[in-house]
Amino acid sequence: MPVVEPKAQLDQVTRTGLKDIHMSGWTQDTGELVTGFHIGPEDTVLDIGCSDGGYATFSARQGAAIILADVDAAKLDVARTRLEAIPARSLQTLVTDADPIPLPDASVSRIVAMEVLEHVDCPAQFMAELVRVARPGALFLLTAPDEAIEGVQKHIAPPSYFEKPNHIRIFKRGELEQLARDAGLQIVDRFSYGFYLAVWWSLYWACENQSLSPPWHPLLEDWAKVWSRLLSLPEGLKIKAALDQVMPKSQVVIARKP
């Protein structure tokens, strides 16, 4: 997610994406990164696989201590620059593949691992290391692409999409929760979201030479306009919720360390 700017400065595609994820429960005014995952100034948040820090900006705005971790040092530099202007309690960056994570035992209260487990060689080992650095009572936010959209991508994405360092596994529904349970965590909630993003990524492959930033291909702009119009209608949220269940972009698990 991009850094949130004044709405007048955002393009249609970005505005629609932000509206859709907010309606799915993300970046709430209650201090919840997603419904059920509250972040406060007393928290220490480890964002593992944070990339360029898009979602970490929300955690930083809650005044928490932020630890950004990723294998890509260049993206970490972007993330650090992005967050330095936000009054987090503290900011630390770690270049790491999480084998191991260079943090003490029981040192963080919130762990965010979004769209990272599908890249990992050994998810069980990865999770064990996350559990090690988590305090008792710590909350985990785990997300991975849903098997429905990954099945679509098998037919339309380039072969590299399912090769290292990209997606090397597909989590079937229920497997992400089981991974958390096997790591000794208690499941707090499980849901899925993101039909808009699932279709967006499917259309993306038809847009020759499109980067992941504007200017956007007219096809992506048209899809954003259609979805925005739907969300403005009285039945829009009901239809969105139904489509989010059928073909979500991501599955989400919130879990707690006992």
C-alpha atoms as a PDB file:
ATOM      1  CA  MET A   1       0.000   0.000   0.000  1.00  0.00           C
ATOM      2  CA  PRO A   2       1.399   3.424  -0.851  1.00  0.00           C
ATOM      3  CA  VAL A   3       2.033   6.172   1.648  1.00  0.00           C
ATOM      4  CA  VAL A   4      -1.333   7.826   2.221  1.00  0.00           C
ATOM      5  CA  GLU A   5      -1.361  11.298   0.708  1.00  0.00           C
ATOM      6  CA  PRO A   6      -4.203  13.830   0.593  1.00  0.00           C
ATOM      7  CA  LYS A   7      -6.953  12.204  -1.437  1.00  0.00           C
ATOM      8  CA  ALA A   8      -6.912  14.923  -4.075  1.00  0.00           C
ATOM      9  CA  GLN A   9      -3.370  13.869  -4.990  1.00  0.00           C
ATOM     10  CA  LEU A  10      -4.176  10.168  -5.439  1.00  0.00           C
ATOM     11  CA  ASP A  11      -4.965   8.630  -8.808  1.00  0.00           C
ATOM     12  CA  GLN A  12      -8.154   6.607  -9.397  1.00  0.00           C
ATOM     13  CA  VAL A  13      -6.443   3.220  -9.135  1.00  0.00           C
ATOM     14  CA  THR A  14      -4.769   4.060  -5.802  1.00  0.00           C
ATOM     15  CA  ARG A  15      -7.894   5.690  -4.362  1.00  0.00           C
ATOM     16  CA  THR A  16     -10.018   2.683  -5.230  1.00  0.00           C
ATOM     17  CA  GLY A  17      -7.472   0.250  -3.799  1.00  0.00           C
ATOM     18  CA  LEU A  18      -7.254   2.149  -0.523  1.00  0.00           C
ATOM     19  CA  LYS A  19     -11.043   2.392  -0.258  1.00  0.00           C
ATOM     20  CA  ASP A  20     -11.456  -1.315  -0.921  1.00  0.00           C
ATOM     21  CA  ILE A  21      -8.950  -2.476   1.686  1.00  0.00           C
ATOM     22  CA  HIS A  22     -10.359  -0.017   4.240  1.00  0.00           C
ATOM     23  CA  MET A  23     -13.843  -1.471   3.654  1.00  0.00           C
ATOM     24  CA  SER A  24     -12.296  -4.917   4.196  1.00  0.00           C
ATOM     25  CA  GLY A  25     -11.241  -3.854   7.710  1.00  0.00           C
ATOM     26  CA  TRP A  26      -7.716  -2.559   7.129  1.00  0.00           C
ATOM     27  CA  THR A  27      -6.121   0.612   8.555  1.00  0.00           C
ATOM     28  CA  GLN A  28      -8.946   1.467  10.927  1.00  0.00           C
ATOM     29  CA  ASP A  29      -9.288   4.640  12.985  1.00  0.00           C
ATOM     30  CA  THR A  30      -9.460   2.397  16.082  1.00  0.00           C
ATOM     31  CA  GLY A  31      -5.716   1.732  15.764  1.00  0.00           C
ATOM     32  CA  GLU A  32      -6.270  -1.684  14.184  1.00  0.00           C
ATOM     33  CA  LEU A  33      -4.038  -2.543  11.243  1.00  0.00           C
ATOM     34  CA  VAL A  34      -6.851  -4.932  10.412  1.00  0.00           C
ATOM     35  CA  THR A  35      -9.934  -5.673  12.480  1.00  0.00           C
ATOM     36  CA  GLY A  36      -8.791  -7.629  15.536  1.00  0.00           C
ATOM     37  CA  PHE A  37      -5.129  -6.630  15.265  1.00  0.00           C
ATOM     38  CA  HIS A  38      -4.673  -3.509  17.386  1.00  0.00           C
ATOM     39  CA  ILE A  39      -1.364  -1.654  17.539  1.00  0.00           C
ATOM     40  CA  GLY A  40      -0.594   0.890  20.268  1.00  0.00           C
ATOM     41  CA  PRO A  41       2.355   2.987  21.455  1.00  0.00           C
ATOM     42  CA  GLU A  42       3.288   0.283  23.956  1.00  0.00           C
ATOM     43  CA  ASP A  43       3.846  -2.300  21.207  1.00  0.00           C
ATOM     44  CA  THR A  44       7.035  -3.422  19.511  1.00  0.00           C
ATOM     45  CA  VAL A  45       6.140  -4.459  15.971  1.00  0.00           C
ATOM     46  CA  LEU A  46       8.269  -6.777  13.854  1.00  0.00           C
ATOM     47  CA  ASP A  47       7.256  -6.426  10.196  1.00  0.00           C
ATOM     48  CA  ILE A  48       9.013  -9.380   8.579  1.00  0.00           C
ATOM     49  CA  GLY A  49       9.254  -9.318   4.795  1.00  0.00           C
ATOM     50  CA  CYS A  50       8.220  -5.674   4.945  1.00  0.00           C
ATOM     51  CA  SER A  51       9.484  -4.817   1.434  1.00  0.00           C
ATOM     52  CA  ASP A  52       9.288  -1.027   1.013  1.00  0.00           C
ATOM     53  CA  GLY A  53       7.283  -0.536   4.206  1.00  0.00           C
ATOM     54  CA  GLY A  54       3.859   0.355   2.861  1.00  0.00           C
ATOM     55  CA  TYR A  55       1.775  -1.148   5.665  1.00  0.00           C
ATOM     56  CA  ALA A  56       4.405  -0.375   8.299  1.00  0.00           C
ATOM     57  CA  THR A  57       3.525   3.306   7.996  1.00  0.00           C
ATOM     58  CA  PHE A  58       0.226   2.580   9.773  1.00  0.00           C
ATOM     59  CA  SER A  59       2.007   0.839  12.656  1.00  0.00           C
ATOM     60  CA  ALA A  60       4.459   3.719  12.942  1.00  0.00           C
ATOM     61  CA  ARG A  61       1.616   6.243  13.139  1.00  0.00           C
ATOM     62  CA  GLN A  62       0.306   4.434  16.221  1.00  0.00           C
ATOM     63  CA  GLY A  63       3.551   5.385  18.003  1.00  0.00           C
ATOM     64  CA  ALA A  64       4.835   1.820  18.299  1.00  0.00           C
ATOM     65  CA  ALA A  65       8.473   0.741  18.141  1.00  0.00           C
ATOM     66  CA  ILE A  66       9.014  -0.590  14.617  1.00  0.00           C
ATOM     67  CA  ILE A  67      11.436  -3.282  13.455  1.00  0.00           C
ATOM     68  CA  LEU A  68      11.517  -3.639   9.672  1.00  0.00           C
ATOM     69  CA  ALA A  69      13.039  -6.859   8.332  1.00  0.00           C
ATOM     70  CA  ASP A  70      13.595  -8.032   4.767  1.00  0.00           C
ATOM     71  CA  VAL A  71      16.149  -9.826   2.607  1.00  0.00           C
ATOM     72  CA  ASP A  72      16.284  -6.867   0.205  1.00  0.00           C
ATOM     73  CA  ALA A  73      18.540  -4.124   1.583  1.00  0.00           C
ATOM     74  CA  ALA A  74      17.508  -1.636  -1.124  1.00  0.00           C
ATOM     75  CA  LYS A  75      13.819  -1.971  -0.264  1.00  0.00           C
ATOM     76  CA  LEU A  76      14.661  -1.646   3.427  1.00  0.00           C
ATOM     77  CA  ASP A  77      16.361   1.658   2.675  1.00  0.00           C
ATOM     78  CA  VAL A  78      13.174   2.857   0.982  1.00  0.00           C
ATOM     79  CA  ALA A  79      11.124   1.685   3.964  1.00  0.00           C
ATOM     80  CA  ARG A  80      13.399   3.425   6.454  1.00  0.00           C
ATOM     81  CA  THR A  81      13.184   6.698   4.526  1.00  0.00           C
ATOM     82  CA  ARG A  82       9.411   6.347   4.360  1.00  0.00           C
ATOM     83  CA  LEU A  83       9.049   5.804   8.107  1.00  0.00           C
ATOM     84  CA  GLU A  84      11.608   8.312   9.363  1.00  0.00           C
ATOM     85  CA  ALA A  85       9.105  11.138   8.896  1.00  0.00           C
ATOM     86  CA  ILE A  86       6.541   9.343  11.101  1.00  0.00           C
ATOM     87  CA  PRO A  87       6.762   9.613  14.916  1.00  0.00           C
ATOM     88  CA  ALA A  88       7.243   5.937  15.753  1.00  0.00           C
ATOM     89  CA  ARG A  89       8.661   5.284  19.236  1.00  0.00           C
ATOM     90  CA  SER A  90      11.767   3.884  17.562  1.00  0.00           C
ATOM     91  CA  LEU A  91      12.797   2.477  14.182  1.00  0.00           C
ATOM     92  CA  GLN A  92      15.173  -0.404  13.431  1.00  0.00           C
ATOM     93  CA  THR A  93      15.940  -2.228  10.177  1.00  0.00           C
ATOM     94  CA  LEU A  94      17.289  -5.752   9.777  1.00  0.00           C
ATOM     95  CA  VAL A  95      18.570  -7.340   6.581  1.00  0.00           C
ATOM     96  CA  THR A  96      17.734 -10.982   7.288  1.00  0.00           C
ATOM     97  CA  ASP A  97      16.302 -14.164   5.794  1.00  0.00           C
ATOM     98  CA  ALA A  98      14.923 -15.013   9.265  1.00  0.00           C
ATOM     99  CA  ASP A  99      17.326 -17.943   9.679  1.00  0.00           C
ATOM    100  CA  PRO A 100      17.784 -16.746  12.348  1.00  0.00           C
ATOM    101  CA  ILE A 101      16.215 -13.379  13.109  1.00  0.00           C
ATOM    102  CA  PRO A 102      18.855 -11.287  14.940  1.00  0.00           C
ATOM    103  CA  LEU A 103      16.594 -10.424  17.879  1.00  0.00           C
ATOM    104  CA  PRO A 104      16.452 -11.690  21.475  1.00  0.00           C
ATOM    105  CA  ASP A 105      13.848 -14.197  22.639  1.00  0.00           C
ATOM    106  CA  ALA A 106      10.453 -12.750  23.632  1.00  0.00           C
ATOM    107  CA  SER A 107      11.279  -9.238  22.426  1.00  0.00           C
ATOM    108  CA  VAL A 108       8.269  -8.201  20.275  1.00  0.00           C
ATOM    109  CA  SER A 109       4.536  -7.945  20.939  1.00  0.00           C
ATOM    110  CA  ARG A 110       3.225  -7.775  17.358  1.00  0.00           C
ATOM    111  CA  ILE A 111       4.440  -9.757  14.360  1.00  0.00           C
ATOM    112  CA  VAL A 112       3.325  -8.880  10.844  1.00  0.00           C
ATOM    113  CA  ALA A 113       4.165 -11.391   8.100  1.00  0.00           C
ATOM    114  CA  MET A 114       2.132 -10.311   5.085  1.00  0.00           C
ATOM    115  CA  GLU A 115       2.508 -12.040   1.708  1.00  0.00           C
ATOM    116  CA  VAL A 116       5.836 -13.556   2.711  1.00  0.00           C
ATOM    117  CA  LEU A 117       5.237 -17.206   3.656  1.00  0.00           C
ATOM    118  CA  GLU A 118       4.601 -18.204   0.033  1.00  0.00           C
ATOM    119  CA  HIS A 119       8.232 -17.215  -0.676  1.00  0.00           C
ATOM    120  CA  VAL A 120       9.771 -19.210   2.187  1.00  0.00           C
ATOM    121  CA  ASP A 121      11.642 -22.499   1.716  1.00  0.00           C
ATOM    122  CA  CYS A 122      10.601 -23.939   5.083  1.00  0.00           C
ATOM    123  CA  PRO A 123       7.492 -22.243   6.541  1.00  0.00           C
ATOM    124  CA  ALA A 124       7.593 -24.319   9.748  1.00  0.00           C
ATOM    125  CA  GLN A 125      11.156 -23.227  10.515  1.00  0.00           C
ATOM    126  CA  PHE A 126      10.272 -19.638   9.630  1.00  0.00           C
ATOM    127  CA  MET A 127       7.284 -19.713  12.001  1.00  0.00           C
ATOM    128  CA  ALA A 128       9.338 -21.260  14.809  1.00  0.00           C
ATOM    129  CA  GLU A 129      11.742 -18.333  14.603  1.00  0.00           C
ATOM    130  CA  LEU A 130       8.871 -15.829  14.694  1.00  0.00           C
ATOM    131  CA  VAL A 131       7.442 -17.554  17.754  1.00  0.00           C
ATOM    132  CA  ARG A 132      10.857 -17.451  19.444  1.00  0.00           C
ATOM    133  CA  VAL A 133      11.120 -13.652  19.232  1.00  0.00           C
ATOM    134  CA  ALA A 134       7.476 -13.111  20.278  1.00  0.00           C
ATOM    135  CA  ARG A 135       6.502 -12.334  23.848  1.00  0.00           C
ATOM    136  CA  PRO A 136       3.824 -14.409  25.585  1.00  0.00           C
ATOM    137  CA  GLY A 137       0.496 -12.931  24.498  1.00  0.00           C
ATOM    138  CA  ALA A 138       1.943 -11.470  21.280  1.00  0.00           C
ATOM    139  CA  LEU A 139      -0.369 -11.215  18.286  1.00  0.00           C
ATOM    140  CA  PHE A 140       0.557 -12.503  14.830  1.00  0.00           C
ATOM    141  CA  LEU A 141      -0.863 -11.220  11.542  1.00  0.00           C
ATOM    142  CA  LEU A 142      -0.221 -13.736   8.762  1.00  0.00           C
ATOM    143  CA  THR A 143      -1.409 -13.365   5.172  1.00  0.00           C
ATOM    144  CA  ALA A 144      -0.797 -15.347   1.998  1.00  0.00           C
ATOM    145  CA  PRO A 145      -2.318 -15.382  -1.493  1.00  0.00           C
ATOM    146  CA  ASP A 146      -5.528 -17.381  -1.683  1.00  0.00           C
ATOM    147  CA  GLU A 147      -5.490 -20.636  -3.620  1.00  0.00           C
ATOM    148  CA  ALA A 148      -8.303 -19.451  -5.926  1.00  0.00           C
ATOM    149  CA  ILE A 149      -6.409 -16.489  -7.391  1.00  0.00           C
ATOM    150  CA  GLU A 150      -3.161 -18.461  -7.442  1.00  0.00           C
ATOM    151  CA  GLY A 151      -4.964 -21.031  -9.573  1.00  0.00           C
ATOM    152  CA  VAL A 152      -5.872 -18.270 -12.005  1.00  0.00           C
ATOM    153  CA  GLN A 153      -2.309 -16.962 -12.026  1.00  0.00           C
ATOM    154  CA  LYS A 154      -1.042 -20.409 -13.041  1.00  0.00           C
ATOM    155  CA  HIS A 155      -2.779 -19.891 -16.370  1.00  0.00           C
ATOM    156  CA  ILE A 156      -1.867 -16.263 -17.063  1.00  0.00           C
ATOM    157  CA  ALA A 157       1.201 -15.179 -15.096  1.00  0.00           C
ATOM    158  CA  PRO A 158       4.719 -15.618 -16.520  1.00  0.00           C
ATOM    159  CA  PRO A 159       6.589 -18.753 -15.335  1.00  0.00           C
ATOM    160  CA  SER A 160       8.814 -16.642 -13.073  1.00  0.00           C
ATOM    161  CA  TYR A 161       5.750 -15.853 -10.910  1.00  0.00           C
ATOM    162  CA  PHE A 162       6.039 -19.363  -9.412  1.00  0.00           C
ATOM    163  CA  GLU A 163       9.823 -19.499  -9.260  1.00  0.00           C
ATOM    164  CA  LYS A 164      12.250 -18.286  -6.580  1.00  0.00           C
ATOM    165  CA  PRO A 165      12.432 -15.631  -5.259  1.00  0.00           C
ATOM    166  CA  ASN A 166       8.714 -15.315  -6.025  1.00  0.00           C
ATOM    167  CA  HIS A 167       5.886 -17.685  -5.061  1.00  0.00           C
ATOM    168  CA  ILE A 168       7.178 -21.200  -4.478  1.00  0.00           C
ATOM    169  CA  ARG A 169       4.081 -22.633  -2.750  1.00  0.00           C
ATOM    170  CA  ILE A 170       0.320 -22.217  -2.651  1.00  0.00           C
ATOM    171  CA  PHE A 171      -1.454 -22.379   0.706  1.00  0.00           C
ATOM    172  CA  LYS A 172      -4.733 -24.220   0.390  1.00  0.00           C
ATOM    173  CA  ARG A 173      -7.519 -22.953   2.600  1.00  0.00           C
ATOM    174  CA  GLY A 174      -6.950 -24.123   6.131  1.00  0.00           C
ATOM    175  CA  GLU A 175      -3.203 -24.667   5.728  1.00  0.00           C
ATOM    176  CA  LEU A 176      -2.214 -21.223   6.979  1.00  0.00           C
ATOM    177  CA  GLU A 177      -4.199 -21.751  10.186  1.00  0.00           C
ATOM    178  CA  GLN A 178      -2.673 -25.210  10.599  1.00  0.00           C
ATOM    179  CA  LEU A 179       0.808 -23.783  10.155  1.00  0.00           C
ATOM    180  CA  ALA A 180       0.098 -21.343  12.985  1.00  0.00           C
ATOM    181  CA  ARG A 181      -1.321 -24.086  15.217  1.00  0.00           C
ATOM    182  CA  ASP A 182       1.635 -26.362  14.546  1.00  0.00           C
ATOM    183  CA  ALA A 183       3.889 -23.485  15.685  1.00  0.00           C
ATOM    184  CA  GLY A 184       2.051 -23.453  19.017  1.00  0.00           C
ATOM    185  CA  LEU A 185      -0.184 -20.447  18.341  1.00  0.00           C
ATOM    186  CA  GLN A 186      -3.866 -20.013  19.133  1.00  0.00           C
ATOM    187  CA  ILE A 187      -6.092 -18.881  16.258  1.00  0.00           C
ATOM    188  CA  VAL A 188      -7.943 -15.641  17.027  1.00  0.00           C
ATOM    189  CA  ASP A 189      -9.566 -15.061  13.623  1.00  0.00           C
ATOM    190  CA  ARG A 190      -9.438 -16.156  10.009  1.00  0.00           C
ATOM    191  CA  PHE A 191     -10.922 -14.421   6.955  1.00  0.00           C
ATOM    192  CA  SER A 192     -10.227 -13.566   3.327  1.00  0.00           C
ATOM    193  CA  TYR A 193     -10.550 -10.423   1.248  1.00  0.00           C
ATOM    194  CA  GLY A 194      -9.534  -8.757  -1.988  1.00  0.00           C
ATOM    195  CA  PHE A 195     -11.650  -9.647  -5.045  1.00  0.00           C
ATOM    196  CA  TYR A 196     -10.829  -6.222  -6.447  1.00  0.00           C
ATOM    197  CA  LEU A 197      -7.087  -6.888  -6.126  1.00  0.00           C
ATOM    198  CA  ALA A 198      -7.455 -10.441  -7.462  1.00  0.00           C
ATOM    199  CA  VAL A 199      -9.008  -9.147 -10.670  1.00  0.00           C
ATOM    200  CA  TRP A 200      -6.562  -6.236 -10.803  1.00  0.00           C
ATOM    201  CA  TRP A 201      -3.593  -8.634 -10.787  1.00  0.00           C
ATOM    202  CA  SER A 202      -5.263 -10.805 -13.415  1.00  0.00           C
ATOM    203  CA  LEU A 203      -5.707  -7.795 -15.702  1.00  0.00           C
ATOM    204  CA  TYR A 204      -2.196  -6.559 -14.961  1.00  0.00           C
ATOM    205  CA  TRP A 205      -0.600  -9.242 -17.147  1.00  0.00           C
ATOM    206  CA  ALA A 206      -2.476  -7.923 -20.186  1.00  0.00           C
ATOM    207  CA  CYS A 207      -1.008  -4.425 -19.705  1.00  0.00           C
ATOM    208  CA  GLU A 208       2.257  -4.470 -21.610  1.00  0.00           C
ATOM    209  CA  ASN A 209       5.160  -2.604 -19.972  1.00  0.00           C
ATOM    210  CA  GLN A 210       3.049  -1.607 -16.940  1.00  0.00           C
ATOM    211  CA  SER A 211       5.113  -0.966 -13.826  1.00  0.00           C
ATOM    212  CA  LEU A 212       3.682  -1.060 -10.305  1.00  0.00           C
ATOM    213  CA  SER A 213       3.204   2.692 -10.259  1.00  0.00           C
ATOM    214  CA  PRO A 214       1.305   5.282 -12.300  1.00  0.00           C
ATOM    215  CA  PRO A 215       0.690   6.186 -15.020  1.00  0.00           C
ATOM    216  CA  TRP A 216      -1.672   3.223 -15.168  1.00  0.00           C
ATOM    217  CA  HIS A 217      -2.780   1.354 -18.245  1.00  0.00           C
ATOM    218  CA  PRO A 218      -6.344   2.365 -19.314  1.00  0.00           C
ATOM    219  CA  LEU A 219      -7.519  -1.199 -18.581  1.00  0.00           C
ATOM    220  CA  LEU A 220      -6.499  -0.887 -14.916  1.00  0.00           C
ATOM    221  CA  GLU A 221      -8.036   2.582 -14.700  1.00  0.00           C
ATOM    222  CA  ASP A 222     -11.304   1.276 -16.154  1.00  0.00           C
ATOM    223  CA  TRP A 223     -11.421  -1.596 -13.656  1.00  0.00           C
ATOM    224  CA  ALA A 224     -10.839   0.854 -10.800  1.00  0.00           C
ATOM    225  CA  LYS A 225     -13.687   3.055 -12.037  1.00  0.00           C
ATOM    226  CA  VAL A 226     -16.093   0.104 -12.301  1.00  0.00           C
ATOM    227  CA  TRP A 227     -15.232  -1.121  -8.804  1.00  0.00           C
ATOM    228  CA  SER A 228     -15.461   2.357  -7.323  1.00  0.00           C
ATOM    229  CA  ARG A 229     -18.909   2.780  -8.882  1.00  0.00           C
ATOM    230  CA  LEU A 230     -20.010  -0.547  -7.381  1.00  0.00           C
ATOM    231  CA  LEU A 231     -18.823   0.442  -3.904  1.00  0.00           C
ATOM    232  CA  SER A 232     -20.845   3.651  -4.120  1.00  0.00           C
ATOM    233  CA  LEU A 233     -24.126   1.767  -4.689  1.00  0.00           C
ATOM    234  CA  PRO A 234     -26.496   0.683  -1.884  1.00  0.00           C
ATOM    235  CA  GLU A 235     -25.823  -3.013  -2.565  1.00  0.00           C
ATOM    236  CA  GLY A 236     -22.129  -2.503  -3.260  1.00  0.00           C
ATOM    237  CA  LEU A 237     -20.750  -3.657   0.084  1.00  0.00           C
ATOM    238  CA  LYS A 238     -22.936  -6.784   0.041  1.00  0.00           C
ATOM    239  CA  ILE A 239     -21.709  -7.714  -3.431  1.00  0.00           C
ATOM    240  CA  LYS A 240     -18.104  -6.967  -2.502  1.00  0.00           C
ATOM    241  CA  ALA A 241     -18.361  -9.262   0.538  1.00  0.00           C
ATOM    242  CA  ALA A 242     -19.749 -12.104  -1.576  1.00  0.00           C
ATOM    243  CA  LEU A 243     -17.058 -11.750  -4.239  1.00  0.00           C
ATOM    244  CA  ASP A 244     -14.341 -11.491  -1.575  1.00  0.00           C
ATOM    245  CA  GLN A 245     -15.412 -14.954  -0.403  1.00  0.00           C
ATOM    246  CA  VAL A 246     -15.462 -16.527  -3.876  1.00  0.00           C
ATOM    247  CA  MET A 247     -12.132 -15.247  -5.239  1.00  0.00           C
ATOM    248  CA  PRO A 248     -10.159 -13.303  -2.627  1.00  0.00           C
ATOM    249  CA  LYS A 249      -6.684 -11.998  -3.217  1.00  0.00           C
ATOM    250  CA  SER A 250      -5.470 -13.054   0.233  1.00  0.00           C
ATOM    251  CA  GLN A 251      -6.263 -15.245   3.199  1.00  0.00           C
ATOM    252  CA  VAL A 252      -5.642 -13.767   6.641  1.00  0.00           C
ATOM    253  CA  VAL A 253      -4.926 -15.416   9.989  1.00  0.00           C
ATOM    254  CA  ILE A 254      -4.671 -13.591  13.312  1.00  0.00           C
ATOM    255  CA  ALA A 255      -3.105 -15.728  16.039  1.00  0.00           C
ATOM    256  CA  ARG A 256      -1.772 -15.351  19.574  1.00  0.00           C
ATOM    257  CA  LYS A 257       1.211 -16.823  21.374  1.00  0.00           C
ATOM    258  CA  PRO A 258      -0.017 -18.356  24.650  1.00  0.00           C
END
